Amino acid sequence: MNKYKDHTGRKKDVAPLQEAFQELLKAYRLKDKFDERKVIQAWPEMMGRTVAMRTESLFVKEKKLFVKISSGPLKKELSMNRSKILNLIEKQFGNAVIEEVVFL
């Protein structure tokens, strides 16, 4: 039995806010979109100032993170380190959020 339900199966009024929010995301099937937005929002912090300043746009489509970089040499370097970037994202957000990184 769920720890936030009473003996009748109804939900209790009190639940930690984070768990209630996660349940709401699941109920409306928004968890994937929410997680994708968190990755985009965290990109500058994860990658550092230099990469963030040269990132023109970010978007996620079908679990692929598309990153438009304004610097050719930086794009090449990031492409060569794609697996490290994926590992960084997986470590912070879990491996079901982003499956591939594409540099444009």
PDB file of N, CA and C in Angstrom:
ATOM      1  N   MET A   1       0.841  -1.183   0.000  1.00  0.00           N
ATOM      2  CA  MET A   1       0.000   0.000   0.000  1.00  0.00           C
ATOM      3  C   MET A   1       0.884   1.243   0.000  1.00  0.00           C
ATOM      4  N   ASN A   2       0.470   2.235  -0.716  1.00  0.00           N
ATOM      5  CA  ASN A   2       1.219   3.493  -0.785  1.00  0.00           C
ATOM      6  C   ASN A   2       1.249   4.151   0.580  1.00  0.00           C
ATOM      7  N   LYS A   3       2.399   4.695   0.937  1.00  0.00           N
ATOM      8  CA  LYS A   3       2.523   5.276   2.265  1.00  0.00           C
ATOM      9  C   LYS A   3       1.737   6.572   2.418  1.00  0.00           C
ATOM     10  N   TYR A   4       1.207   7.101   1.327  1.00  0.00           N
ATOM     11  CA  TYR A   4       0.419   8.326   1.410  1.00  0.00           C
ATOM     12  C   TYR A   4      -1.066   8.073   1.190  1.00  0.00           C
ATOM     13  N   LYS A   5      -1.463   6.829   1.334  1.00  0.00           N
ATOM     14  CA  LYS A   5      -2.885   6.499   1.222  1.00  0.00           C
ATOM     15  C   LYS A   5      -3.381   5.981   2.564  1.00  0.00           C
ATOM     16  N   ASP A   6      -4.636   6.237   2.854  1.00  0.00           N
ATOM     17  CA  ASP A   6      -5.192   5.720   4.095  1.00  0.00           C
ATOM     18  C   ASP A   6      -5.762   4.326   3.860  1.00  0.00           C
ATOM     19  N   HIS A   7      -6.433   3.779   4.857  1.00  0.00           N
ATOM     20  CA  HIS A   7      -6.935   2.397   4.764  1.00  0.00           C
ATOM     21  C   HIS A   7      -8.001   2.207   3.691  1.00  0.00           C
ATOM     22  N   THR A   8      -8.641   3.279   3.224  1.00  0.00           N
ATOM     23  CA  THR A   8      -9.660   3.159   2.185  1.00  0.00           C
ATOM     24  C   THR A   8      -9.060   3.247   0.781  1.00  0.00           C
ATOM     25  N   GLY A   9      -7.775   3.526   0.696  1.00  0.00           N
ATOM     26  CA  GLY A   9      -7.133   3.635  -0.608  1.00  0.00           C
ATOM     27  C   GLY A   9      -7.090   5.057  -1.127  1.00  0.00           C
ATOM     28  N   ARG A  10      -7.736   5.953  -0.389  1.00  0.00           N
ATOM     29  CA  ARG A  10      -7.697   7.362  -0.798  1.00  0.00           C
ATOM     30  C   ARG A  10      -6.373   7.979  -0.382  1.00  0.00           C
ATOM     31  N   LYS A  11      -5.973   8.973  -1.128  1.00  0.00           N
ATOM     32  CA  LYS A  11      -4.725   9.654  -0.788  1.00  0.00           C
ATOM     33  C   LYS A  11      -4.933  10.538   0.427  1.00  0.00           C
ATOM     34  N   LYS A  12      -3.920  10.580   1.259  1.00  0.00           N
ATOM     35  CA  LYS A  12      -3.941  11.493   2.395  1.00  0.00           C
ATOM     36  C   LYS A  12      -3.722  12.903   1.879  1.00  0.00           C
ATOM     37  N   ASP A  13      -4.046  13.873   2.700  1.00  0.00           N
ATOM     38  CA  ASP A  13      -3.881  15.268   2.320  1.00  0.00           C
ATOM     39  C   ASP A  13      -2.424  15.709   2.329  1.00  0.00           C
ATOM     40  N   VAL A  14      -1.609  15.096   3.171  1.00  0.00           N
ATOM     41  CA  VAL A  14      -0.235  15.537   3.335  1.00  0.00           C
ATOM     42  C   VAL A  14       0.713  14.609   2.574  1.00  0.00           C
ATOM     43  N   ALA A  15       1.523  15.213   1.704  1.00  0.00           N
ATOM     44  CA  ALA A  15       2.566  14.483   0.981  1.00  0.00           C
ATOM     45  C   ALA A  15       3.690  15.481   0.732  1.00  0.00           C
ATOM     46  N   PRO A  16       4.913  15.027   0.762  1.00  0.00           N
ATOM     47  CA  PRO A  16       5.998  15.953   0.463  1.00  0.00           C
ATOM     48  C   PRO A  16       5.787  16.588  -0.907  1.00  0.00           C
ATOM     49  N   LEU A  17       6.093  17.859  -0.999  1.00  0.00           N
ATOM     50  CA  LEU A  17       5.833  18.619  -2.221  1.00  0.00           C
ATOM     51  C   LEU A  17       6.514  18.010  -3.437  1.00  0.00           C
ATOM     52  N   GLN A  18       7.754  17.574  -3.286  1.00  0.00           N
ATOM     53  CA  GLN A  18       8.482  17.011  -4.428  1.00  0.00           C
ATOM     54  C   GLN A  18       7.799  15.745  -4.939  1.00  0.00           C
ATOM     55  N   GLU A  19       7.386  14.876  -4.021  1.00  0.00           N
ATOM     56  CA  GLU A  19       6.701  13.647  -4.451  1.00  0.00           C
ATOM     57  C   GLU A  19       5.364  13.962  -5.095  1.00  0.00           C
ATOM     58  N   ALA A  20       4.648  14.926  -4.548  1.00  0.00           N
ATOM     59  CA  ALA A  20       3.359  15.311  -5.127  1.00  0.00           C
ATOM     60  C   ALA A  20       3.560  15.864  -6.534  1.00  0.00           C
ATOM     61  N   PHE A  21       4.612  16.667  -6.711  1.00  0.00           N
ATOM     62  CA  PHE A  21       4.914  17.232  -8.021  1.00  0.00           C
ATOM     63  C   PHE A  21       5.272  16.128  -9.013  1.00  0.00           C
ATOM     64  N   GLN A  22       6.086  15.159  -8.592  1.00  0.00           N
ATOM     65  CA  GLN A  22       6.468  14.044  -9.466  1.00  0.00           C
ATOM     66  C   GLN A  22       5.237  13.221  -9.862  1.00  0.00           C
ATOM     67  N   GLU A  23       4.332  12.993  -8.918  1.00  0.00           N
ATOM     68  CA  GLU A  23       3.103  12.257  -9.230  1.00  0.00           C
ATOM     69  C   GLU A  23       2.256  13.019 -10.240  1.00  0.00           C
ATOM     70  N   LEU A  24       2.210  14.342 -10.091  1.00  0.00           N
ATOM     71  CA  LEU A  24       1.452  15.177 -11.019  1.00  0.00           C
ATOM     72  C   LEU A  24       2.044  15.090 -12.421  1.00  0.00           C
ATOM     73  N   LEU A  25       3.372  15.153 -12.524  1.00  0.00           N
ATOM     74  CA  LEU A  25       4.036  15.037 -13.832  1.00  0.00           C
ATOM     75  C   LEU A  25       3.739  13.689 -14.479  1.00  0.00           C
ATOM     76  N   LYS A  26       3.756  12.622 -13.681  1.00  0.00           N
ATOM     77  CA  LYS A  26       3.456  11.290 -14.214  1.00  0.00           C
ATOM     78  C   LYS A  26       2.008  11.210 -14.667  1.00  0.00           C
ATOM     79  N   ALA A  27       1.112  11.742 -13.853  1.00  0.00           N
ATOM     80  CA  ALA A  27      -0.320  11.653 -14.160  1.00  0.00           C
ATOM     81  C   ALA A  27      -0.651  12.343 -15.485  1.00  0.00           C
ATOM     82  N   TYR A  28      -0.007  13.463 -15.751  1.00  0.00           N
ATOM     83  CA  TYR A  28      -0.269  14.193 -16.986  1.00  0.00           C
ATOM     84  C   TYR A  28       0.740  13.880 -18.088  1.00  0.00           C
ATOM     85  N   ARG A  29       1.568  12.877 -17.864  1.00  0.00           N
ATOM     86  CA  ARG A  29       2.583  12.422 -18.819  1.00  0.00           C
ATOM     87  C   ARG A  29       3.483  13.570 -19.298  1.00  0.00           C
ATOM     88  N   LEU A  30       3.954  14.363 -18.342  1.00  0.00           N
ATOM     89  CA  LEU A  30       4.822  15.490 -18.642  1.00  0.00           C
ATOM     90  C   LEU A  30       6.238  15.304 -18.124  1.00  0.00           C
ATOM     91  N   LYS A  31       6.517  14.184 -17.484  1.00  0.00           N
ATOM     92  CA  LYS A  31       7.817  13.979 -16.851  1.00  0.00           C
ATOM     93  C   LYS A  31       8.969  14.067 -17.851  1.00  0.00           C
ATOM     94  N   ASP A  32       8.831  13.440 -19.010  1.00  0.00           N
ATOM     95  CA  ASP A  32       9.903  13.477 -20.012  1.00  0.00           C
ATOM     96  C   ASP A  32      10.178  14.909 -20.469  1.00  0.00           C
ATOM     97  N   LYS A  33       9.137  15.656 -20.756  1.00  0.00           N
ATOM     98  CA  LYS A  33       9.306  17.042 -21.204  1.00  0.00           C
ATOM     99  C   LYS A  33       9.939  17.888 -20.103  1.00  0.00           C
ATOM    100  N   PHE A  34       9.519  17.662 -18.868  1.00  0.00           N
ATOM    101  CA  PHE A  34      10.079  18.401 -17.737  1.00  0.00           C
ATOM    102  C   PHE A  34      11.568  18.099 -17.592  1.00  0.00           C
ATOM    103  N   ASP A  35      11.931  16.826 -17.686  1.00  0.00           N
ATOM    104  CA  ASP A  35      13.338  16.438 -17.581  1.00  0.00           C
ATOM    105  C   ASP A  35      14.171  17.024 -18.724  1.00  0.00           C
ATOM    106  N   GLU A  36      13.607  17.042 -19.917  1.00  0.00           N
ATOM    107  CA  GLU A  36      14.310  17.618 -21.066  1.00  0.00           C
ATOM    108  C   GLU A  36      14.569  19.113 -20.843  1.00  0.00           C
ATOM    109  N   ARG A  37      13.599  19.814 -20.313  1.00  0.00           N
ATOM    110  CA  ARG A  37      13.761  21.243 -20.031  1.00  0.00           C
ATOM    111  C   ARG A  37      14.832  21.466 -18.969  1.00  0.00           C
ATOM    112  N   LYS A  38      14.904  20.561 -17.993  1.00  0.00           N
ATOM    113  CA  LYS A  38      15.930  20.682 -16.958  1.00  0.00           C
ATOM    114  C   LYS A  38      17.324  20.525 -17.555  1.00  0.00           C
ATOM    115  N   VAL A  39      17.484  19.620 -18.506  1.00  0.00           N
ATOM    116  CA  VAL A  39      18.782  19.434 -19.175  1.00  0.00           C
ATOM    117  C   VAL A  39      19.165  20.704 -19.919  1.00  0.00           C
ATOM    118  N   ILE A  40      18.236  21.271 -20.672  1.00  0.00           N
ATOM    119  CA  ILE A  40      18.506  22.495 -21.427  1.00  0.00           C
ATOM    120  C   ILE A  40      18.872  23.633 -20.475  1.00  0.00           C
ATOM    121  N   GLN A  41      18.147  23.733 -19.397  1.00  0.00           N
ATOM    122  CA  GLN A  41      18.408  24.794 -18.423  1.00  0.00           C
ATOM    123  C   GLN A  41      19.781  24.621 -17.757  1.00  0.00           C
ATOM    124  N   ALA A  42      20.209  23.387 -17.557  1.00  0.00           N
ATOM    125  CA  ALA A  42      21.469  23.120 -16.867  1.00  0.00           C
ATOM    126  C   ALA A  42      22.679  23.130 -17.807  1.00  0.00           C
ATOM    127  N   TRP A  43      22.459  23.228 -19.111  1.00  0.00           N
ATOM    128  CA  TRP A  43      23.552  23.170 -20.093  1.00  0.00           C
ATOM    129  C   TRP A  43      24.693  24.139 -19.768  1.00  0.00           C
ATOM    130  N   PRO A  44      24.449  25.428 -19.534  1.00  0.00           N
ATOM    131  CA  PRO A  44      25.574  26.340 -19.253  1.00  0.00           C
ATOM    132  C   PRO A  44      26.378  25.932 -18.013  1.00  0.00           C
ATOM    133  N   GLU A  45      25.701  25.486 -16.987  1.00  0.00           N
ATOM    134  CA  GLU A  45      26.385  25.064 -15.760  1.00  0.00           C
ATOM    135  C   GLU A  45      27.195  23.789 -15.984  1.00  0.00           C
ATOM    136  N   MET A  46      26.636  22.849 -16.726  1.00  0.00           N
ATOM    137  CA  MET A  46      27.325  21.577 -16.983  1.00  0.00           C
ATOM    138  C   MET A  46      28.548  21.763 -17.871  1.00  0.00           C
ATOM    139  N   MET A  47      28.426  22.604 -18.896  1.00  0.00           N
ATOM    140  CA  MET A  47      29.463  22.701 -19.910  1.00  0.00           C
ATOM    141  C   MET A  47      30.453  23.832 -19.676  1.00  0.00           C
ATOM    142  N   GLY A  48      30.106  24.766 -18.835  1.00  0.00           N
ATOM    143  CA  GLY A  48      31.027  25.863 -18.550  1.00  0.00           C
ATOM    144  C   GLY A  48      30.759  27.096 -19.394  1.00  0.00           C
ATOM    145  N   ARG A  49      31.400  28.169 -18.997  1.00  0.00           N
ATOM    146  CA  ARG A  49      31.159  29.481 -19.598  1.00  0.00           C
ATOM    147  C   ARG A  49      31.539  29.530 -21.083  1.00  0.00           C
ATOM    148  N   THR A  50      32.681  28.970 -21.443  1.00  0.00           N
ATOM    149  CA  THR A  50      33.157  29.038 -22.832  1.00  0.00           C
ATOM    150  C   THR A  50      32.166  28.382 -23.794  1.00  0.00           C
ATOM    151  N   VAL A  51      31.724  27.187 -23.457  1.00  0.00           N
ATOM    152  CA  VAL A  51      30.771  26.473 -24.317  1.00  0.00           C
ATOM    153  C   VAL A  51      29.428  27.198 -24.304  1.00  0.00           C
ATOM    154  N   ALA A  52      28.991  27.649 -23.144  1.00  0.00           N
ATOM    155  CA  ALA A  52      27.693  28.328 -23.031  1.00  0.00           C
ATOM    156  C   ALA A  52      27.650  29.595 -23.890  1.00  0.00           C
ATOM    157  N   MET A  53      28.756  30.333 -23.920  1.00  0.00           N
ATOM    158  CA  MET A  53      28.799  31.567 -24.712  1.00  0.00           C
ATOM    159  C   MET A  53      28.745  31.283 -26.212  1.00  0.00           C
ATOM    160  N   ARG A  54      29.188  30.114 -26.626  1.00  0.00           N
ATOM    161  CA  ARG A  54      29.205  29.773 -28.048  1.00  0.00           C
ATOM    162  C   ARG A  54      28.042  28.857 -28.458  1.00  0.00           C
ATOM    163  N   THR A  55      27.143  28.619 -27.519  1.00  0.00           N
ATOM    164  CA  THR A  55      25.953  27.826 -27.820  1.00  0.00           C
ATOM    165  C   THR A  55      24.859  28.783 -28.291  1.00  0.00           C
ATOM    166  N   GLU A  56      24.433  28.605 -29.532  1.00  0.00           N
ATOM    167  CA  GLU A  56      23.397  29.478 -30.095  1.00  0.00           C
ATOM    168  C   GLU A  56      21.995  29.002 -29.747  1.00  0.00           C
ATOM    169  N   SER A  57      21.776  27.693 -29.779  1.00  0.00           N
ATOM    170  CA  SER A  57      20.451  27.170 -29.443  1.00  0.00           C
ATOM    171  C   SER A  57      20.548  25.721 -28.995  1.00  0.00           C
ATOM    172  N   LEU A  58      19.533  25.318 -28.240  1.00  0.00           N
ATOM    173  CA  LEU A  58      19.415  23.942 -27.737  1.00  0.00           C
ATOM    174  C   LEU A  58      17.965  23.514 -27.865  1.00  0.00           C
ATOM    175  N   PHE A  59      17.744  22.285 -28.299  1.00  0.00           N
ATOM    176  CA  PHE A  59      16.396  21.727 -28.247  1.00  0.00           C
ATOM    177  C   PHE A  59      16.496  20.210 -28.205  1.00  0.00           C
ATOM    178  N   VAL A  60      15.429  19.607 -27.711  1.00  0.00           N
ATOM    179  CA  VAL A  60      15.376  18.148 -27.595  1.00  0.00           C
ATOM    180  C   VAL A  60      14.233  17.642 -28.463  1.00  0.00           C
ATOM    181  N   LYS A  61      14.533  16.612 -29.225  1.00  0.00           N
ATOM    182  CA  LYS A  61      13.501  15.963 -30.040  1.00  0.00           C
ATOM    183  C   LYS A  61      13.784  14.470 -30.026  1.00  0.00           C
ATOM    184  N   GLU A  62      12.796  13.695 -29.620  1.00  0.00           N
ATOM    185  CA  GLU A  62      12.887  12.235 -29.568  1.00  0.00           C
ATOM    186  C   GLU A  62      14.132  11.767 -28.811  1.00  0.00           C
ATOM    187  N   LYS A  63      14.333  12.350 -27.636  1.00  0.00           N
ATOM    188  CA  LYS A  63      15.430  11.998 -26.717  1.00  0.00           C
ATOM    189  C   LYS A  63      16.817  12.312 -27.271  1.00  0.00           C
ATOM    190  N   LYS A  64      16.866  13.176 -28.290  1.00  0.00           N
ATOM    191  CA  LYS A  64      18.139  13.642 -28.844  1.00  0.00           C
ATOM    192  C   LYS A  64      18.284  15.118 -28.494  1.00  0.00           C
ATOM    193  N   LEU A  65      19.437  15.474 -27.945  1.00  0.00           N
ATOM    194  CA  LEU A  65      19.729  16.864 -27.630  1.00  0.00           C
ATOM    195  C   LEU A  65      20.468  17.478 -28.821  1.00  0.00           C
ATOM    196  N   PHE A  66      19.871  18.489 -29.440  1.00  0.00           N
ATOM    197  CA  PHE A  66      20.471  19.182 -30.567  1.00  0.00           C
ATOM    198  C   PHE A  66      21.079  20.481 -30.058  1.00  0.00           C
ATOM    199  N   VAL A  67      22.362  20.675 -30.348  1.00  0.00           N
ATOM    200  CA  VAL A  67      23.102  21.826 -29.850  1.00  0.00           C
ATOM    201  C   VAL A  67      23.716  22.559 -31.036  1.00  0.00           C
ATOM    202  N   LYS A  68      23.348  23.821 -31.216  1.00  0.00           N
ATOM    203  CA  LYS A  68      23.938  24.620 -32.294  1.00  0.00           C
ATOM    204  C   LYS A  68      25.072  25.445 -31.695  1.00  0.00           C
ATOM    205  N   ILE A  69      26.285  25.200 -32.191  1.00  0.00           N
ATOM    206  CA  ILE A  69      27.499  25.842 -31.699  1.00  0.00           C
ATOM    207  C   ILE A  69      28.003  26.819 -32.772  1.00  0.00           C
ATOM    208  N   SER A  70      28.395  28.023 -32.349  1.00  0.00           N
ATOM    209  CA  SER A  70      28.838  29.049 -33.302  1.00  0.00           C
ATOM    210  C   SER A  70      30.309  28.927 -33.682  1.00  0.00           C
ATOM    211  N   SER A  71      31.070  28.110 -32.998  1.00  0.00           N
ATOM    212  CA  SER A  71      32.505  27.971 -33.261  1.00  0.00           C
ATOM    213  C   SER A  71      32.805  26.595 -33.859  1.00  0.00           C
ATOM    214  N   GLY A  72      33.375  26.588 -35.051  1.00  0.00           N
ATOM    215  CA  GLY A  72      33.716  25.325 -35.719  1.00  0.00           C
ATOM    216  C   GLY A  72      34.670  24.454 -34.920  1.00  0.00           C
ATOM    217  N   PRO A  73      35.798  25.003 -34.452  1.00  0.00           N
ATOM    218  CA  PRO A  73      36.727  24.172 -33.675  1.00  0.00           C
ATOM    219  C   PRO A  73      36.110  23.619 -32.386  1.00  0.00           C
ATOM    220  N   LEU A  74      35.288  24.427 -31.730  1.00  0.00           N
ATOM    221  CA  LEU A  74      34.635  23.955 -30.505  1.00  0.00           C
ATOM    222  C   LEU A  74      33.634  22.852 -30.823  1.00  0.00           C
ATOM    223  N   LYS A  75      32.916  23.011 -31.918  1.00  0.00           N
ATOM    224  CA  LYS A  75      31.954  21.979 -32.340  1.00  0.00           C
ATOM    225  C   LYS A  75      32.678  20.653 -32.589  1.00  0.00           C
ATOM    226  N   LYS A  76      33.826  20.729 -33.241  1.00  0.00           N
ATOM    227  CA  LYS A  76      34.629  19.524 -33.524  1.00  0.00           C
ATOM    228  C   LYS A  76      35.086  18.868 -32.217  1.00  0.00           C
ATOM    229  N   GLU A  77      35.571  19.680 -31.283  1.00  0.00           N
ATOM    230  CA  GLU A  77      36.035  19.151 -30.007  1.00  0.00           C
ATOM    231  C   GLU A  77      34.893  18.519 -29.212  1.00  0.00           C
ATOM    232  N   LEU A  78      33.744  19.179 -29.193  1.00  0.00           N
ATOM    233  CA  LEU A  78      32.587  18.627 -28.480  1.00  0.00           C
ATOM    234  C   LEU A  78      32.107  17.333 -29.134  1.00  0.00           C
ATOM    235  N   SER A  79      32.141  17.284 -30.461  1.00  0.00           N
ATOM    236  CA  SER A  79      31.729  16.068 -31.176  1.00  0.00           C
ATOM    237  C   SER A  79      32.631  14.893 -30.812  1.00  0.00           C
ATOM    238  N   MET A  80      33.913  15.172 -30.663  1.00  0.00           N
ATOM    239  CA  MET A  80      34.852  14.104 -30.302  1.00  0.00           C
ATOM    240  C   MET A  80      34.647  13.642 -28.857  1.00  0.00           C
ATOM    241  N   ASN A  81      34.079  14.497 -28.020  1.00  0.00           N
ATOM    242  CA  ASN A  81      33.841  14.169 -26.611  1.00  0.00           C
ATOM    243  C   ASN A  81      32.359  13.920 -26.314  1.00  0.00           C
ATOM    244  N   ARG A  82      31.632  13.521 -27.330  1.00  0.00           N
ATOM    245  CA  ARG A  82      30.194  13.294 -27.207  1.00  0.00           C
ATOM    246  C   ARG A  82      29.842  12.300 -26.099  1.00  0.00           C
ATOM    247  N   SER A  83      30.604  11.212 -25.984  1.00  0.00           N
ATOM    248  CA  SER A  83      30.297  10.196 -24.958  1.00  0.00           C
ATOM    249  C   SER A  83      30.498  10.762 -23.547  1.00  0.00           C
ATOM    250  N   LYS A  84      31.498  11.621 -23.371  1.00  0.00           N
ATOM    251  CA  LYS A  84      31.712  12.252 -22.061  1.00  0.00           C
ATOM    252  C   LYS A  84      30.540  13.166 -21.706  1.00  0.00           C
ATOM    253  N   ILE A  85      30.049  13.883 -22.699  1.00  0.00           N
ATOM    254  CA  ILE A  85      28.910  14.777 -22.475  1.00  0.00           C
ATOM    255  C   ILE A  85      27.672  13.970 -22.116  1.00  0.00           C
ATOM    256  N   LEU A  86      27.450  12.875 -22.841  1.00  0.00           N
ATOM    257  CA  LEU A  86      26.315  12.001 -22.518  1.00  0.00           C
ATOM    258  C   LEU A  86      26.432  11.438 -21.106  1.00  0.00           C
ATOM    259  N   ASN A  87      27.633  11.023 -20.724  1.00  0.00           N
ATOM    260  CA  ASN A  87      27.849  10.514 -19.366  1.00  0.00           C
ATOM    261  C   ASN A  87      27.558  11.576 -18.325  1.00  0.00           C
ATOM    262  N   LEU A  88      27.944  12.804 -18.602  1.00  0.00           N
ATOM    263  CA  LEU A  88      27.682  13.912 -17.690  1.00  0.00           C
ATOM    264  C   LEU A  88      26.176  14.123 -17.514  1.00  0.00           C
ATOM    265  N   ILE A  89      25.446  14.094 -18.616  1.00  0.00           N
ATOM    266  CA  ILE A  89      23.985  14.253 -18.574  1.00  0.00           C
ATOM    267  C   ILE A  89      23.350  13.082 -17.839  1.00  0.00           C
ATOM    268  N   GLU A  90      23.799  11.860 -18.132  1.00  0.00           N
ATOM    269  CA  GLU A  90      23.249  10.673 -17.464  1.00  0.00           C
ATOM    270  C   GLU A  90      23.493  10.705 -15.964  1.00  0.00           C
ATOM    271  N   LYS A  91      24.674  11.141 -15.570  1.00  0.00           N
ATOM    272  CA  LYS A  91      25.009  11.187 -14.151  1.00  0.00           C
ATOM    273  C   LYS A  91      24.102  12.166 -13.407  1.00  0.00           C
ATOM    274  N   GLN A  92      23.794  13.278 -14.047  1.00  0.00           N
ATOM    275  CA  GLN A  92      23.003  14.311 -13.390  1.00  0.00           C
ATOM    276  C   GLN A  92      21.499  14.081 -13.504  1.00  0.00           C
ATOM    277  N   PHE A  93      21.037  13.522 -14.628  1.00  0.00           N
ATOM    278  CA  PHE A  93      19.593  13.433 -14.874  1.00  0.00           C
ATOM    279  C   PHE A  93      19.068  12.014 -15.094  1.00  0.00           C
ATOM    280  N   GLY A  94      19.942  11.026 -15.165  1.00  0.00           N
ATOM    281  CA  GLY A  94      19.506   9.664 -15.442  1.00  0.00           C
ATOM    282  C   GLY A  94      19.656   9.353 -16.918  1.00  0.00           C
ATOM    283  N   ASN A  95      19.749   8.066 -17.245  1.00  0.00           N
ATOM    284  CA  ASN A  95      20.035   7.704 -18.631  1.00  0.00           C
ATOM    285  C   ASN A  95      18.818   7.626 -19.531  1.00  0.00           C
ATOM    286  N   ALA A  96      17.631   7.862 -19.028  1.00  0.00           N
ATOM    287  CA  ALA A  96      16.450   7.793 -19.877  1.00  0.00           C
ATOM    288  C   ALA A  96      16.072   9.148 -20.481  1.00  0.00           C
ATOM    289  N   VAL A  97      16.741  10.218 -20.067  1.00  0.00           N
ATOM    290  CA  VAL A  97      16.352  11.553 -20.513  1.00  0.00           C
ATOM    291  C   VAL A  97      16.890  11.855 -21.907  1.00  0.00           C
ATOM    292  N   ILE A  98      18.201  11.749 -22.100  1.00  0.00           N
ATOM    293  CA  ILE A  98      18.844  12.034 -23.389  1.00  0.00           C
ATOM    294  C   ILE A  98      19.627  10.800 -23.820  1.00  0.00           C
ATOM    295  N   GLU A  99      19.399  10.346 -25.042  1.00  0.00           N
ATOM    296  CA  GLU A  99      20.089   9.163 -25.553  1.00  0.00           C
ATOM    297  C   GLU A  99      21.203   9.512 -26.540  1.00  0.00           C
ATOM    298  N   GLU A 100      21.140  10.721 -27.114  1.00  0.00           N
ATOM    299  CA  GLU A 100      22.136  11.100 -28.117  1.00  0.00           C
ATOM    300  C   GLU A 100      22.280  12.624 -28.121  1.00  0.00           C
ATOM    301  N   VAL A 101      23.487  13.090 -28.432  1.00  0.00           N
ATOM    302  CA  VAL A 101      23.762  14.514 -28.564  1.00  0.00           C
ATOM    303  C   VAL A 101      24.182  14.782 -30.000  1.00  0.00           C
ATOM    304  N   VAL A 102      23.546  15.758 -30.640  1.00  0.00           N
ATOM    305  CA  VAL A 102      23.843  16.110 -32.024  1.00  0.00           C
ATOM    306  C   VAL A 102      24.298  17.561 -32.057  1.00  0.00           C
ATOM    307  N   PHE A 103      25.469  17.806 -32.633  1.00  0.00           N
ATOM    308  CA  PHE A 103      25.995  19.170 -32.742  1.00  0.00           C
ATOM    309  C   PHE A 103      25.728  19.704 -34.135  1.00  0.00           C
ATOM    310  N   LEU A 104      25.155  20.891 -34.194  1.00  0.00           N
ATOM    311  CA  LEU A 104      24.788  21.526 -35.467  1.00  0.00           C
ATOM    312  C   LEU A 104      25.716  22.686 -35.762  1.00  0.00           C
TER     313      LEU A 104
END
